[in-house]
N, C-alpha and C. Protein backbone atom coordinates (compact mmCIF):
# COMPACT_ATOMS: atom_id res chain seq x y z
N MET A 1 -6.82 14.56 12.33
CA MET A 1 -5.33 14.14 11.83
C MET A 1 -4.37 15.12 12.46
N ALA A 2 -3.64 15.19 12.97
CA ALA A 2 -2.56 15.77 13.55
C ALA A 2 -1.42 15.58 12.48
N ARG A 3 -0.98 17.20 12.26
CA ARG A 3 0.17 17.62 10.80
C ARG A 3 1.69 17.07 11.85
N ILE A 4 2.36 16.60 11.05
CA ILE A 4 4.07 16.12 11.63
C ILE A 4 4.74 16.86 10.94
N TYR A 5 5.41 17.94 11.69
CA TYR A 5 6.68 18.49 11.12
C TYR A 5 8.26 17.83 11.50
N THR A 6 8.80 17.93 10.85
CA THR A 6 10.35 17.20 10.88
C THR A 6 10.98 17.97 10.61
N ARG A 7 10.86 19.73 9.86
CA ARG A 7 11.37 20.66 9.67
C ARG A 7 12.32 20.35 8.68
N ARG A 8 12.67 19.20 8.36
CA ARG A 8 14.09 18.56 7.21
C ARG A 8 13.09 19.42 5.90
N GLY A 9 12.21 19.10 5.25
CA GLY A 9 12.04 19.56 3.83
C GLY A 9 12.21 18.75 3.43
N ASP A 10 11.66 18.11 2.18
CA ASP A 10 11.56 16.81 1.90
C ASP A 10 11.91 17.04 0.38
N ARG A 11 12.09 18.26 -0.04
CA ARG A 11 13.10 18.77 -1.94
C ARG A 11 12.18 17.70 -2.82
N GLY A 12 11.05 17.35 -2.82
CA GLY A 12 10.42 16.10 -3.49
C GLY A 12 10.92 14.79 -2.91
N GLN A 13 11.47 14.44 -2.03
CA GLN A 13 12.17 13.21 -1.94
C GLN A 13 11.04 12.07 -1.21
N THR A 14 11.72 11.02 -1.50
CA THR A 14 10.30 10.84 0.80
C THR A 14 11.40 9.13 0.94
N GLN A 15 11.85 8.74 1.87
CA GLN A 15 12.43 7.45 2.10
C GLN A 15 11.69 6.91 2.46
N LEU A 16 12.68 5.96 1.59
CA LEU A 16 11.98 4.22 2.74
C LEU A 16 12.19 3.57 3.32
N PRO A 17 11.21 2.32 3.96
CA PRO A 17 12.13 1.97 5.55
C PRO A 17 13.89 1.28 4.94
N GLY A 18 14.67 1.29 5.90
CA GLY A 18 15.97 0.96 5.48
C GLY A 18 17.02 3.02 5.32
N GLY A 19 15.79 3.43 5.04
CA GLY A 19 16.60 4.98 4.69
C GLY A 19 17.05 5.18 4.01
N ARG A 20 16.83 4.66 2.33
CA ARG A 20 16.99 5.03 1.05
C ARG A 20 16.62 6.36 0.36
N CYS A 21 16.30 6.98 0.07
CA CYS A 21 16.01 7.99 -0.56
C CYS A 21 15.56 7.96 -1.96
N VAL A 22 13.71 8.52 -2.11
CA VAL A 22 13.45 8.04 -3.94
C VAL A 22 12.83 9.39 -3.91
N ALA A 23 12.76 9.81 -4.86
CA ALA A 23 11.13 10.47 -5.39
C ALA A 23 10.61 9.58 -5.34
N LYS A 24 9.47 11.15 -4.60
CA LYS A 24 8.07 11.11 -4.15
C LYS A 24 7.50 10.41 -5.82
N HIS A 25 7.98 11.32 -7.54
CA HIS A 25 7.50 10.81 -8.27
C HIS A 25 7.44 9.39 -8.93
N ALA A 26 8.70 8.57 -8.61
CA ALA A 26 9.19 6.93 -8.83
C ALA A 26 8.53 6.28 -8.74
N GLN A 27 8.69 4.99 -10.01
CA GLN A 27 6.84 4.36 -9.81
C GLN A 27 7.18 3.62 -9.32
N ARG A 28 7.74 2.73 -8.77
CA ARG A 28 7.87 1.80 -7.68
C ARG A 28 7.09 2.66 -6.13
N LEU A 29 7.17 4.11 -6.11
CA LEU A 29 5.89 4.54 -4.96
C LEU A 29 4.92 3.63 -6.18
N GLU A 30 4.82 5.15 -6.91
CA GLU A 30 3.05 4.52 -8.07
C GLU A 30 2.77 3.32 -7.52
N CYS A 31 3.41 2.03 -8.13
CA CYS A 31 3.21 0.81 -7.66
C CYS A 31 2.93 0.68 -6.43
N LEU A 32 3.64 0.70 -5.34
CA LEU A 32 3.59 0.48 -3.99
C LEU A 32 1.74 0.60 -3.82
N GLY A 33 1.34 2.38 -4.23
CA GLY A 33 0.12 3.36 -3.97
C GLY A 33 -0.86 2.24 -4.86
N ALA A 34 -0.86 1.82 -5.81
CA ALA A 34 -1.62 0.87 -6.65
C ALA A 34 -2.03 -0.08 -6.13
N VAL A 35 -0.51 -1.06 -5.39
CA VAL A 35 -0.41 -2.79 -4.86
C VAL A 35 -2.14 -1.75 -3.52
N ASP A 36 -2.11 -1.29 -3.25
CA ASP A 36 -2.39 -0.87 -1.49
C ASP A 36 -4.38 -0.69 -2.01
N GLU A 37 -3.92 -0.14 -2.98
CA GLU A 37 -5.66 0.89 -3.33
C GLU A 37 -6.06 -0.95 -3.82
N LEU A 38 -5.86 -1.26 -4.50
CA LEU A 38 -6.37 -2.70 -4.64
C LEU A 38 -6.53 -3.74 -3.76
N SER A 39 -5.36 -3.36 -2.79
CA SER A 39 -5.97 -4.46 -1.36
C SER A 39 -6.98 -3.43 -0.57
N ALA A 40 -7.52 -2.12 -0.36
CA ALA A 40 -8.17 -1.86 0.30
C ALA A 40 -9.26 -2.02 -0.40
N CYS A 41 -9.73 -2.21 -1.96
CA CYS A 41 -10.69 -2.35 -2.33
C CYS A 41 -11.02 -3.80 -2.09
N ILE A 42 -10.08 -4.94 -2.35
CA ILE A 42 -10.72 -6.33 -2.68
C ILE A 42 -11.14 -6.25 -0.98
N GLY A 43 -10.06 -6.36 0.04
CA GLY A 43 -11.19 -5.84 1.22
C GLY A 43 -12.05 -5.71 1.85
N LEU A 44 -12.39 -4.36 0.83
CA LEU A 44 -14.08 -3.30 1.14
C LEU A 44 -15.19 -4.39 0.63
N ALA A 45 -14.85 -5.33 -0.81
CA ALA A 45 -15.47 -6.73 -1.58
C ALA A 45 -15.73 -7.60 -0.42
N ARG A 46 -14.83 -7.20 -0.27
CA ARG A 46 -15.25 -8.72 0.99
C ARG A 46 -15.82 -8.41 2.09
N ALA A 47 -16.03 -7.48 2.71
CA ALA A 47 -16.78 -6.81 3.93
C ALA A 47 -17.89 -6.75 3.20
N LEU A 48 -18.37 -6.59 1.95
CA LEU A 48 -19.48 -6.21 1.96
C LEU A 48 -20.06 -7.96 1.37
N LEU A 49 -19.82 -8.39 0.40
CA LEU A 49 -19.99 -9.69 -0.09
C LEU A 49 -20.78 -10.55 1.18
N GLN A 50 -20.34 -9.97 2.57
CA GLN A 50 -20.35 -10.65 3.85
C GLN A 50 -20.28 -12.77 3.63
N GLU A 51 -20.05 -13.07 3.35
CA GLU A 51 -19.34 -14.33 2.97
C GLU A 51 -19.07 -15.07 4.07
N PRO A 52 -19.07 -16.44 4.76
CA PRO A 52 -18.72 -16.50 5.67
C PRO A 52 -17.28 -17.23 5.36
N SER A 53 -16.89 -17.32 3.71
CA SER A 53 -15.66 -17.92 3.91
C SER A 53 -14.98 -17.18 2.48
N PRO A 54 -13.58 -16.65 2.43
CA PRO A 54 -13.18 -16.50 1.53
C PRO A 54 -13.04 -16.95 0.40
N PRO A 55 -13.32 -16.43 -1.32
CA PRO A 55 -13.21 -16.66 -2.63
C PRO A 55 -12.24 -17.78 -2.80
N ALA A 56 -12.90 -18.65 -3.97
CA ALA A 56 -11.40 -19.43 -3.76
C ALA A 56 -10.64 -17.99 -4.26
N GLY A 57 -9.03 -18.69 -4.46
CA GLY A 57 -7.72 -18.15 -4.47
C GLY A 57 -7.79 -16.63 -3.44
N ALA A 58 -8.05 -16.35 -2.70
CA ALA A 58 -8.15 -14.81 -2.49
C ALA A 58 -7.16 -15.05 -1.31
N ALA A 59 -6.68 -16.05 -0.48
CA ALA A 59 -5.61 -16.33 0.46
C ALA A 59 -3.86 -16.33 -0.51
N ARG A 60 -4.21 -16.99 -1.54
CA ARG A 60 -2.76 -16.94 -2.04
C ARG A 60 -2.63 -15.36 -2.51
N LEU A 61 -3.65 -14.61 -3.65
CA LEU A 61 -3.49 -12.87 -4.12
C LEU A 61 -2.98 -12.43 -2.89
N ALA A 62 -4.29 -12.84 -1.35
CA ALA A 62 -3.45 -11.48 -0.38
C ALA A 62 -1.82 -11.73 -0.27
N ALA A 63 -1.14 -12.82 0.10
CA ALA A 63 0.03 -13.41 0.37
C ALA A 63 0.07 -13.27 -1.02
N SER A 64 0.20 -12.69 -2.18
CA SER A 64 1.13 -11.86 -3.28
C SER A 64 1.18 -10.78 -2.85
N LEU A 65 0.04 -10.00 -2.91
CA LEU A 65 0.00 -8.54 -2.59
C LEU A 65 0.90 -7.65 -1.35
N GLY A 66 0.68 -8.64 0.08
CA GLY A 66 1.91 -8.79 0.64
C GLY A 66 2.85 -8.69 0.41
N ARG A 67 3.95 -10.22 0.25
CA ARG A 67 4.93 -9.80 -0.77
C ARG A 67 5.94 -8.24 -1.34
N ILE A 68 4.74 -8.03 -2.59
CA ILE A 68 4.86 -7.35 -3.07
C ILE A 68 5.00 -5.94 -1.98
N GLN A 69 4.01 -5.37 -1.47
CA GLN A 69 3.92 -4.44 -0.51
C GLN A 69 5.93 -4.50 0.47
């Protein structure tokens, strides 16, 4: 993977969509990371199950996770 250099330095901050900067250790970012990991785990589980149709409630759960992200 290629490295990206912005030459700005981050001082422990990250920029959110919209331009707002927050600390990299902010609870908001921790939560977003956890939701992203959960979504990936659910996707992996669905792929490994190889079910022809998603389990009941899966679409509702995916929609809820999408709103959070």
